[in-house]
Amino acid sequence: MTYECILTAVHGDGPRKTGLITLNRPKALNALSDPLMDELGEALLAFDADDGIGCIVLTGSERAFAAGADIPTMLPHTFVSAFKSGLLSKNWETILQVKKPVIAAVAGYALGGGCELAMMCDFIIAADSAKFGQPEIKLGVVPGAGGTQRLPRSIGKSKAMDMLLTARMMDAAEAERAGLVSRVVAAEKLLDEALAAAETINGFSGPSVALVKELVNLAYQTPLRDGVAVERRYFHALFGSHDQREGMEAFLAKRAPNFEHR
């Protein structure tokens, strides 16, 4: 399918491939307009429904992953119109419905909504050029897509307060130290690194991958005792899968497993 605000492609040679989505509004530094977010949600759900896709990589340009929400379209809103139209709610959280892993490959600016979108991915690989920030306070507002909620859970209260109240940007090295990103790589290697990580995930059992994602997300929503109880039941449940037996038999036979994702 042809999109106006994003590009899509499929990468990989194995039985399960990687869906690549590139934000593509270069003149606006990939500002997250309604049309872009509609297209992004559509592409994410299409890749999620495709049995031949095991993982999704979301990226932007060298200059900007996404520099924020589309401010010119927000300015005319009143409280009533923002509330009734579902501003930042009607199409921003489709990514949270995706069961397959979504890796953010971030170079350049990831600010405001761009930082929030990256945090909604399952993990972030950052180029050494990446800069993260939540500058909404400079506009007389607060983050509206989870910035005050996901950022403290990623980097702790003190650093989150610092970023949110002063609007300062965090570079890639600090973001890795703080736990916001999983790894930092040279900018020219960013996409290769993200696709390689996706290819590794694609080689594992699809049901196990999906349940790992679900369980880690559950850890942010439940007490430890409840989370461990669910984890144990999912562990037990996978003993009814083909891939569990294949994986363990392959380990004992000292050979590579042949997962069938069932």
C-alpha atoms as a PDB file:
ATOM      1  CA  MET A   1       0.000   0.000   0.000  1.00  0.00           C
ATOM      2  CA  THR A   2       1.143   3.562  -0.714  1.00  0.00           C
ATOM      3  CA  TYR A   3       1.171   6.064   2.147  1.00  0.00           C
ATOM      4  CA  GLU A   4       1.703   9.826   2.175  1.00  0.00           C
ATOM      5  CA  CYS A   5       3.404  10.289   5.551  1.00  0.00           C
ATOM      6  CA  ILE A   6       5.253   7.005   6.109  1.00  0.00           C
ATOM      7  CA  LEU A   7       7.234   4.450   4.132  1.00  0.00           C
ATOM      8  CA  THR A   8       6.985   0.692   4.640  1.00  0.00           C
ATOM      9  CA  ALA A   9       9.251  -2.167   3.604  1.00  0.00           C
ATOM     10  CA  VAL A  10       9.926  -5.800   4.474  1.00  0.00           C
ATOM     11  CA  HIS A  11      13.440  -7.026   5.340  1.00  0.00           C
ATOM     12  CA  GLY A  12      14.944 -10.466   5.874  1.00  0.00           C
ATOM     13  CA  ASP A  13      15.540 -13.782   4.149  1.00  0.00           C
ATOM     14  CA  GLY A  14      14.191 -16.215   6.741  1.00  0.00           C
ATOM     15  CA  PRO A  15      10.698 -17.643   7.111  1.00  0.00           C
ATOM     16  CA  ARG A  16       9.765 -14.715   9.364  1.00  0.00           C
ATOM     17  CA  LYS A  17      10.699 -11.239   8.218  1.00  0.00           C
ATOM     18  CA  THR A  18      10.845  -7.731   9.680  1.00  0.00           C
ATOM     19  CA  GLY A  19       8.384  -4.977   8.874  1.00  0.00           C
ATOM     20  CA  LEU A  20      10.103  -1.583   8.608  1.00  0.00           C
ATOM     21  CA  ILE A  21       8.108   1.626   9.043  1.00  0.00           C
ATOM     22  CA  THR A  22       9.830   4.956   8.369  1.00  0.00           C
ATOM     23  CA  LEU A  23       8.218   8.245   9.400  1.00  0.00           C
ATOM     24  CA  ASN A  24       8.401  10.444   6.310  1.00  0.00           C
ATOM     25  CA  ARG A  25       7.571  14.115   6.804  1.00  0.00           C
ATOM     26  CA  PRO A  26      11.104  15.484   6.355  1.00  0.00           C
ATOM     27  CA  LYS A  27      10.159  19.152   5.979  1.00  0.00           C
ATOM     28  CA  ALA A  28       8.312  19.011   9.318  1.00  0.00           C
ATOM     29  CA  LEU A  29      10.996  16.884  11.052  1.00  0.00           C
ATOM     30  CA  ASN A  30       8.446  14.066  11.105  1.00  0.00           C
ATOM     31  CA  ALA A  31       5.985  16.016  13.236  1.00  0.00           C
ATOM     32  CA  LEU A  32       3.239  13.596  14.242  1.00  0.00           C
ATOM     33  CA  SER A  33       0.164  14.862  12.431  1.00  0.00           C
ATOM     34  CA  ASP A  34      -3.210  13.133  12.467  1.00  0.00           C
ATOM     35  CA  PRO A  35      -2.731  11.723   8.931  1.00  0.00           C
ATOM     36  CA  LEU A  36       0.680  10.352   9.893  1.00  0.00           C
ATOM     37  CA  MET A  37      -0.629   8.722  13.058  1.00  0.00           C
ATOM     38  CA  ASP A  38      -3.574   7.230  11.143  1.00  0.00           C
ATOM     39  CA  GLU A  39      -1.197   5.743   8.580  1.00  0.00           C
ATOM     40  CA  LEU A  40       1.211   4.531  11.258  1.00  0.00           C
ATOM     41  CA  GLY A  41      -1.588   2.719  13.074  1.00  0.00           C
ATOM     42  CA  GLU A  42      -2.787   1.129   9.850  1.00  0.00           C
ATOM     43  CA  ALA A  43       0.710  -0.082   8.934  1.00  0.00           C
ATOM     44  CA  LEU A  44       1.388  -1.414  12.434  1.00  0.00           C
ATOM     45  CA  LEU A  45      -1.827  -3.433  12.490  1.00  0.00           C
ATOM     46  CA  ALA A  46      -1.176  -4.763   8.982  1.00  0.00           C
ATOM     47  CA  PHE A  47       2.280  -6.028   9.941  1.00  0.00           C
ATOM     48  CA  ASP A  48       0.900  -7.428  13.203  1.00  0.00           C
ATOM     49  CA  ALA A  49      -1.718  -9.430  11.269  1.00  0.00           C
ATOM     50  CA  ASP A  50       0.835 -10.803   8.777  1.00  0.00           C
ATOM     51  CA  ASP A  51       2.025 -14.275   9.836  1.00  0.00           C
ATOM     52  CA  GLY A  52       5.175 -13.782   7.783  1.00  0.00           C
ATOM     53  CA  ILE A  53       6.278 -10.827   9.946  1.00  0.00           C
ATOM     54  CA  GLY A  54       7.910 -11.558  13.298  1.00  0.00           C
ATOM     55  CA  CYS A  55       9.070  -8.113  14.400  1.00  0.00           C
ATOM     56  CA  ILE A  56       8.599  -4.445  13.479  1.00  0.00           C
ATOM     57  CA  VAL A  57      11.186  -1.653  13.377  1.00  0.00           C
ATOM     58  CA  LEU A  58      10.000   1.970  13.572  1.00  0.00           C
ATOM     59  CA  THR A  59      12.424   4.715  12.543  1.00  0.00           C
ATOM     60  CA  GLY A  60      12.637   8.257  11.212  1.00  0.00           C
ATOM     61  CA  SER A  61      15.390  10.200   9.480  1.00  0.00           C
ATOM     62  CA  GLU A  62      18.985  10.976  10.414  1.00  0.00           C
ATOM     63  CA  ARG A  63      17.889  14.440  11.534  1.00  0.00           C
ATOM     64  CA  ALA A  64      14.789  13.492  13.489  1.00  0.00           C
ATOM     65  CA  PHE A  65      12.906  10.413  14.638  1.00  0.00           C
ATOM     66  CA  ALA A  66      10.034  12.805  15.334  1.00  0.00           C
ATOM     67  CA  ALA A  67      10.366  16.357  16.603  1.00  0.00           C
ATOM     68  CA  GLY A  68       6.990  16.301  18.330  1.00  0.00           C
ATOM     69  CA  ALA A  69       3.289  16.627  17.673  1.00  0.00           C
ATOM     70  CA  ASP A  70       1.979  18.833  14.875  1.00  0.00           C
ATOM     71  CA  ILE A  71       1.669  22.156  16.748  1.00  0.00           C
ATOM     72  CA  PRO A  72       0.070  24.249  13.950  1.00  0.00           C
ATOM     73  CA  THR A  73      -2.952  21.943  13.899  1.00  0.00           C
ATOM     74  CA  MET A  74      -3.222  22.040  17.711  1.00  0.00           C
ATOM     75  CA  LEU A  75      -3.201  25.805  18.180  1.00  0.00           C
ATOM     76  CA  PRO A  76      -6.867  26.469  17.255  1.00  0.00           C
ATOM     77  CA  HIS A  77      -8.237  23.929  19.761  1.00  0.00           C
ATOM     78  CA  THR A  78     -10.209  24.823  22.854  1.00  0.00           C
ATOM     79  CA  PHE A  79     -10.647  22.466  25.805  1.00  0.00           C
ATOM     80  CA  VAL A  80     -14.011  21.336  24.467  1.00  0.00           C
ATOM     81  CA  SER A  81     -12.776  20.717  20.922  1.00  0.00           C
ATOM     82  CA  ALA A  82      -9.640  18.931  22.131  1.00  0.00           C
ATOM     83  CA  PHE A  83     -11.722  16.693  24.383  1.00  0.00           C
ATOM     84  CA  LYS A  84     -14.502  15.978  21.871  1.00  0.00           C
ATOM     85  CA  SER A  85     -12.100  15.280  18.985  1.00  0.00           C
ATOM     86  CA  GLY A  86      -9.949  12.909  21.057  1.00  0.00           C
ATOM     87  CA  LEU A  87      -6.783  14.939  20.526  1.00  0.00           C
ATOM     88  CA  LEU A  88      -3.762  12.631  21.099  1.00  0.00           C
ATOM     89  CA  SER A  89      -6.060   9.765  22.023  1.00  0.00           C
ATOM     90  CA  LYS A  90      -8.043   8.681  18.975  1.00  0.00           C
ATOM     91  CA  ASN A  91      -5.014   7.470  16.985  1.00  0.00           C
ATOM     92  CA  TRP A  92      -1.885   7.670  19.142  1.00  0.00           C
ATOM     93  CA  GLU A  93      -2.087   4.383  21.030  1.00  0.00           C
ATOM     94  CA  THR A  94      -2.732   1.917  18.219  1.00  0.00           C
ATOM     95  CA  ILE A  95       0.879   0.836  18.732  1.00  0.00           C
ATOM     96  CA  LEU A  96      -0.095  -0.524  22.152  1.00  0.00           C
ATOM     97  CA  GLN A  97      -2.425  -3.050  20.460  1.00  0.00           C
ATOM     98  CA  VAL A  98       0.440  -4.673  18.555  1.00  0.00           C
ATOM     99  CA  LYS A  99       1.373  -8.117  19.887  1.00  0.00           C
ATOM    100  CA  LYS A 100       4.663  -8.412  17.998  1.00  0.00           C
ATOM    101  CA  PRO A 101       7.795  -6.621  19.248  1.00  0.00           C
ATOM    102  CA  VAL A 102       8.247  -3.068  17.991  1.00  0.00           C
ATOM    103  CA  ILE A 103      11.795  -1.685  18.073  1.00  0.00           C
ATOM    104  CA  ALA A 104      12.350   2.074  17.862  1.00  0.00           C
ATOM    105  CA  ALA A 105      15.493   3.025  15.930  1.00  0.00           C
ATOM    106  CA  VAL A 106      16.053   6.651  16.932  1.00  0.00           C
ATOM    107  CA  ALA A 107      18.440   9.151  15.374  1.00  0.00           C
ATOM    108  CA  GLY A 108      18.344  12.905  15.815  1.00  0.00           C
ATOM    109  CA  TYR A 109      15.506  14.540  17.702  1.00  0.00           C
ATOM    110  CA  ALA A 110      12.874  12.551  19.595  1.00  0.00           C
ATOM    111  CA  LEU A 111      11.017  15.346  21.326  1.00  0.00           C
ATOM    112  CA  GLY A 112       7.588  15.629  22.905  1.00  0.00           C
ATOM    113  CA  GLY A 113       5.302  13.243  21.064  1.00  0.00           C
ATOM    114  CA  GLY A 114       8.340  11.769  19.335  1.00  0.00           C
ATOM    115  CA  CYS A 115       9.855  10.771  22.682  1.00  0.00           C
ATOM    116  CA  GLU A 116       6.481   9.436  23.813  1.00  0.00           C
ATOM    117  CA  LEU A 117       6.083   7.382  20.632  1.00  0.00           C
ATOM    118  CA  ALA A 118       9.560   5.908  21.084  1.00  0.00           C
ATOM    119  CA  MET A 119       8.699   4.985  24.681  1.00  0.00           C
ATOM    120  CA  MET A 120       5.567   3.168  23.473  1.00  0.00           C
ATOM    121  CA  CYS A 121       7.822   0.840  21.483  1.00  0.00           C
ATOM    122  CA  ASP A 122       9.171  -2.239  23.238  1.00  0.00           C
ATOM    123  CA  PHE A 123      12.743  -1.005  23.322  1.00  0.00           C
ATOM    124  CA  ILE A 124      14.807   1.795  21.840  1.00  0.00           C
ATOM    125  CA  ILE A 125      18.087   1.511  19.966  1.00  0.00           C
ATOM    126  CA  ALA A 126      19.594   4.980  19.680  1.00  0.00           C
ATOM    127  CA  ALA A 127      22.122   6.477  17.319  1.00  0.00           C
ATOM    128  CA  ASP A 128      24.877   8.468  19.004  1.00  0.00           C
ATOM    129  CA  SER A 129      23.202  11.540  17.482  1.00  0.00           C
ATOM    130  CA  ALA A 130      19.880  10.985  19.279  1.00  0.00           C
ATOM    131  CA  LYS A 131      18.432  13.619  21.593  1.00  0.00           C
ATOM    132  CA  PHE A 132      15.382  12.979  23.768  1.00  0.00           C
ATOM    133  CA  GLY A 133      13.181  15.552  25.459  1.00  0.00           C
ATOM    134  CA  GLN A 134       9.721  16.567  26.660  1.00  0.00           C
ATOM    135  CA  PRO A 135       9.594  20.335  26.014  1.00  0.00           C
ATOM    136  CA  GLU A 136       5.813  20.738  26.313  1.00  0.00           C
ATOM    137  CA  ILE A 137       6.144  23.035  29.334  1.00  0.00           C
ATOM    138  CA  LYS A 138       7.695  25.655  27.033  1.00  0.00           C
ATOM    139  CA  LEU A 139       4.372  25.721  25.150  1.00  0.00           C
ATOM    140  CA  GLY A 140       2.259  26.189  28.273  1.00  0.00           C
ATOM    141  CA  VAL A 141       1.008  22.591  28.313  1.00  0.00           C
ATOM    142  CA  VAL A 142       2.009  19.194  29.671  1.00  0.00           C
ATOM    143  CA  PRO A 143       2.783  15.972  27.766  1.00  0.00           C
ATOM    144  CA  GLY A 144      -0.393  14.332  26.498  1.00  0.00           C
ATOM    145  CA  ALA A 145       0.725  10.913  25.258  1.00  0.00           C
ATOM    146  CA  GLY A 146       2.247   9.418  28.390  1.00  0.00           C
ATOM    147  CA  GLY A 147       5.340  11.558  28.909  1.00  0.00           C
ATOM    148  CA  THR A 148       4.693  12.185  32.602  1.00  0.00           C
ATOM    149  CA  GLN A 149       3.865   8.501  33.143  1.00  0.00           C
ATOM    150  CA  ARG A 150       6.265   6.435  31.005  1.00  0.00           C
ATOM    151  CA  LEU A 151       9.325   8.645  31.475  1.00  0.00           C
ATOM    152  CA  PRO A 152       9.491   8.247  35.306  1.00  0.00           C
ATOM    153  CA  ARG A 153       8.999   4.509  34.902  1.00  0.00           C
ATOM    154  CA  SER A 154      11.976   4.425  32.536  1.00  0.00           C
ATOM    155  CA  ILE A 155      14.453   6.800  34.157  1.00  0.00           C
ATOM    156  CA  GLY A 156      13.156   7.466  37.683  1.00  0.00           C
ATOM    157  CA  LYS A 157      11.401  10.418  39.292  1.00  0.00           C
ATOM    158  CA  SER A 158      14.318  12.809  39.668  1.00  0.00           C
ATOM    159  CA  LYS A 159      15.588  12.681  36.091  1.00  0.00           C
ATOM    160  CA  ALA A 160      12.044  12.739  34.733  1.00  0.00           C
ATOM    161  CA  MET A 161      11.187  15.807  36.812  1.00  0.00           C
ATOM    162  CA  ASP A 162      14.384  17.469  35.611  1.00  0.00           C
ATOM    163  CA  MET A 163      13.544  16.874  31.951  1.00  0.00           C
ATOM    164  CA  LEU A 164       9.845  17.708  32.239  1.00  0.00           C
ATOM    165  CA  LEU A 165      10.258  20.864  34.351  1.00  0.00           C
ATOM    166  CA  THR A 166      13.320  22.349  32.631  1.00  0.00           C
ATOM    167  CA  ALA A 167      12.603  21.061  29.094  1.00  0.00           C
ATOM    168  CA  ARG A 168      16.251  20.067  28.722  1.00  0.00           C
ATOM    169  CA  MET A 169      17.238  17.435  26.197  1.00  0.00           C
ATOM    170  CA  MET A 170      19.018  14.191  27.089  1.00  0.00           C
ATOM    171  CA  ASP A 171      21.663  12.929  24.697  1.00  0.00           C
ATOM    172  CA  ALA A 172      22.045   9.284  23.722  1.00  0.00           C
ATOM    173  CA  ALA A 173      24.827   8.508  26.193  1.00  0.00           C
ATOM    174  CA  GLU A 174      22.833   9.860  29.144  1.00  0.00           C
ATOM    175  CA  ALA A 175      19.702   8.130  27.880  1.00  0.00           C
ATOM    176  CA  GLU A 176      21.503   4.795  27.916  1.00  0.00           C
ATOM    177  CA  ARG A 177      22.896   5.387  31.427  1.00  0.00           C
ATOM    178  CA  ALA A 178      19.415   6.338  32.637  1.00  0.00           C
ATOM    179  CA  GLY A 179      17.788   3.261  31.114  1.00  0.00           C
ATOM    180  CA  LEU A 180      15.675   5.050  28.518  1.00  0.00           C
ATOM    181  CA  VAL A 181      17.421   3.276  25.635  1.00  0.00           C
ATOM    182  CA  SER A 182      18.763  -0.253  25.445  1.00  0.00           C
ATOM    183  CA  ARG A 183      21.921   0.497  23.444  1.00  0.00           C
ATOM    184  CA  VAL A 184      23.700   3.265  21.535  1.00  0.00           C
ATOM    185  CA  VAL A 185      25.359   2.723  18.167  1.00  0.00           C
ATOM    186  CA  ALA A 186      27.037   4.866  15.538  1.00  0.00           C
ATOM    187  CA  ALA A 187      24.457   6.732  13.475  1.00  0.00           C
ATOM    188  CA  GLU A 188      25.490   5.046  10.239  1.00  0.00           C
ATOM    189  CA  LYS A 189      24.922   1.613  11.828  1.00  0.00           C
ATOM    190  CA  LEU A 190      21.569   2.363  13.468  1.00  0.00           C
ATOM    191  CA  LEU A 191      19.219   0.695  11.021  1.00  0.00           C
ATOM    192  CA  ASP A 192      21.504  -2.311  10.527  1.00  0.00           C
ATOM    193  CA  GLU A 193      21.661  -2.795  14.304  1.00  0.00           C
ATOM    194  CA  ALA A 194      17.878  -2.556  14.699  1.00  0.00           C
ATOM    195  CA  LEU A 195      17.231  -4.938  11.823  1.00  0.00           C
ATOM    196  CA  ALA A 196      19.807  -7.386  13.214  1.00  0.00           C
ATOM    197  CA  ALA A 197      18.046  -7.327  16.599  1.00  0.00           C
ATOM    198  CA  ALA A 198      14.735  -7.952  14.849  1.00  0.00           C
ATOM    199  CA  GLU A 199      16.235 -10.831  12.873  1.00  0.00           C
ATOM    200  CA  THR A 200      17.421 -12.421  16.113  1.00  0.00           C
ATOM    201  CA  ILE A 201      13.915 -12.144  17.570  1.00  0.00           C
ATOM    202  CA  ASN A 202      12.441 -13.582  14.373  1.00  0.00           C
ATOM    203  CA  GLY A 203      14.462 -16.747  14.929  1.00  0.00           C
ATOM    204  CA  PHE A 204      12.744 -17.511  18.227  1.00  0.00           C
ATOM    205  CA  SER A 205       9.342 -19.076  18.801  1.00  0.00           C
ATOM    206  CA  GLY A 206       6.585 -16.603  17.984  1.00  0.00           C
ATOM    207  CA  PRO A 207       4.330 -17.560  20.920  1.00  0.00           C
ATOM    208  CA  SER A 208       7.207 -17.207  23.389  1.00  0.00           C
ATOM    209  CA  VAL A 209       8.155 -13.807  21.971  1.00  0.00           C
ATOM    210  CA  ALA A 210       4.571 -12.540  22.205  1.00  0.00           C
ATOM    211  CA  LEU A 211       4.203 -13.742  25.791  1.00  0.00           C
ATOM    212  CA  VAL A 212       7.513 -12.171  26.878  1.00  0.00           C
ATOM    213  CA  LYS A 213       6.236  -8.834  25.564  1.00  0.00           C
ATOM    214  CA  GLU A 214       2.895  -9.247  27.325  1.00  0.00           C
ATOM    215  CA  LEU A 215       4.484 -10.263  30.617  1.00  0.00           C
ATOM    216  CA  VAL A 216       7.034  -7.436  30.731  1.00  0.00           C
ATOM    217  CA  ASN A 217       4.271  -4.911  30.050  1.00  0.00           C
ATOM    218  CA  LEU A 218       2.223  -6.568  32.794  1.00  0.00           C
ATOM    219  CA  ALA A 219       5.069  -5.868  35.215  1.00  0.00           C
ATOM    220  CA  TYR A 220       4.261  -2.162  35.016  1.00  0.00           C
ATOM    221  CA  GLN A 221       0.603  -2.680  35.861  1.00  0.00           C
ATOM    222  CA  THR A 222       0.482  -5.273  38.653  1.00  0.00           C
ATOM    223  CA  PRO A 223       2.068  -6.024  42.041  1.00  0.00           C
ATOM    224  CA  LEU A 224       5.068  -8.373  41.881  1.00  0.00           C
ATOM    225  CA  ARG A 225       3.210 -11.341  43.396  1.00  0.00           C
ATOM    226  CA  ASP A 226       0.416 -11.133  40.787  1.00  0.00           C
ATOM    227  CA  GLY A 227       2.840 -10.660  37.917  1.00  0.00           C
ATOM    228  CA  VAL A 228       4.918 -13.683  38.887  1.00  0.00           C
ATOM    229  CA  ALA A 229       1.761 -15.789  39.189  1.00  0.00           C
ATOM    230  CA  VAL A 230       0.732 -14.913  35.627  1.00  0.00           C
ATOM    231  CA  GLU A 231       4.273 -15.535  34.397  1.00  0.00           C
ATOM    232  CA  ARG A 232       4.224 -19.006  35.964  1.00  0.00           C
ATOM    233  CA  ARG A 233       0.940 -19.881  34.265  1.00  0.00           C
ATOM    234  CA  TYR A 234       2.250 -18.749  30.868  1.00  0.00           C
ATOM    235  CA  PHE A 235       5.395 -20.794  31.469  1.00  0.00           C
ATOM    236  CA  HIS A 236       3.206 -23.838  32.158  1.00  0.00           C
ATOM    237  CA  ALA A 237       0.990 -23.086  29.158  1.00  0.00           C
ATOM    238  CA  LEU A 238       3.894 -23.166  26.728  1.00  0.00           C
ATOM    239  CA  PHE A 239       4.466 -26.817  27.611  1.00  0.00           C
ATOM    240  CA  GLY A 240       1.448 -27.430  25.402  1.00  0.00           C
ATOM    241  CA  SER A 241       3.210 -25.917  22.380  1.00  0.00           C
ATOM    242  CA  HIS A 242       5.151 -27.604  19.587  1.00  0.00           C
ATOM    243  CA  ASP A 243       7.995 -25.087  19.936  1.00  0.00           C
ATOM    244  CA  GLN A 244       8.623 -25.923  23.626  1.00  0.00           C
ATOM    245  CA  ARG A 245       9.249 -29.583  22.833  1.00  0.00           C
ATOM    246  CA  GLU A 246      11.284 -28.743  19.737  1.00  0.00           C
ATOM    247  CA  GLY A 247      13.393 -26.209  21.641  1.00  0.00           C
ATOM    248  CA  MET A 248      14.210 -28.537  24.509  1.00  0.00           C
ATOM    249  CA  GLU A 249      14.850 -31.560  22.270  1.00  0.00           C
ATOM    250  CA  ALA A 250      17.146 -29.441  20.092  1.00  0.00           C
ATOM    251  CA  PHE A 251      19.049 -28.257  23.178  1.00  0.00           C
ATOM    252  CA  LEU A 252      19.630 -31.831  24.358  1.00  0.00           C
ATOM    253  CA  ALA A 253      20.635 -32.941  20.864  1.00  0.00           C
ATOM    254  CA  LYS A 254      23.014 -29.954  20.542  1.00  0.00           C
ATOM    255  CA  ARG A 255      21.378 -28.723  17.326  1.00  0.00           C
ATOM    256  CA  ALA A 256      19.592 -25.561  16.221  1.00  0.00           C
ATOM    257  CA  PRO A 257      15.844 -25.641  16.892  1.00  0.00           C
ATOM    258  CA  ASN A 258      13.346 -25.524  14.048  1.00  0.00           C
ATOM    259  CA  PHE A 259      10.569 -23.412  15.474  1.00  0.00           C
ATOM    260  CA  GLU A 260       7.181 -23.487  13.745  1.00  0.00           C
ATOM    261  CA  HIS A 261       5.622 -20.718  15.857  1.00  0.00           C
ATOM    262  CA  ARG A 262       2.929 -22.997  17.275  1.00  0.00           C
END
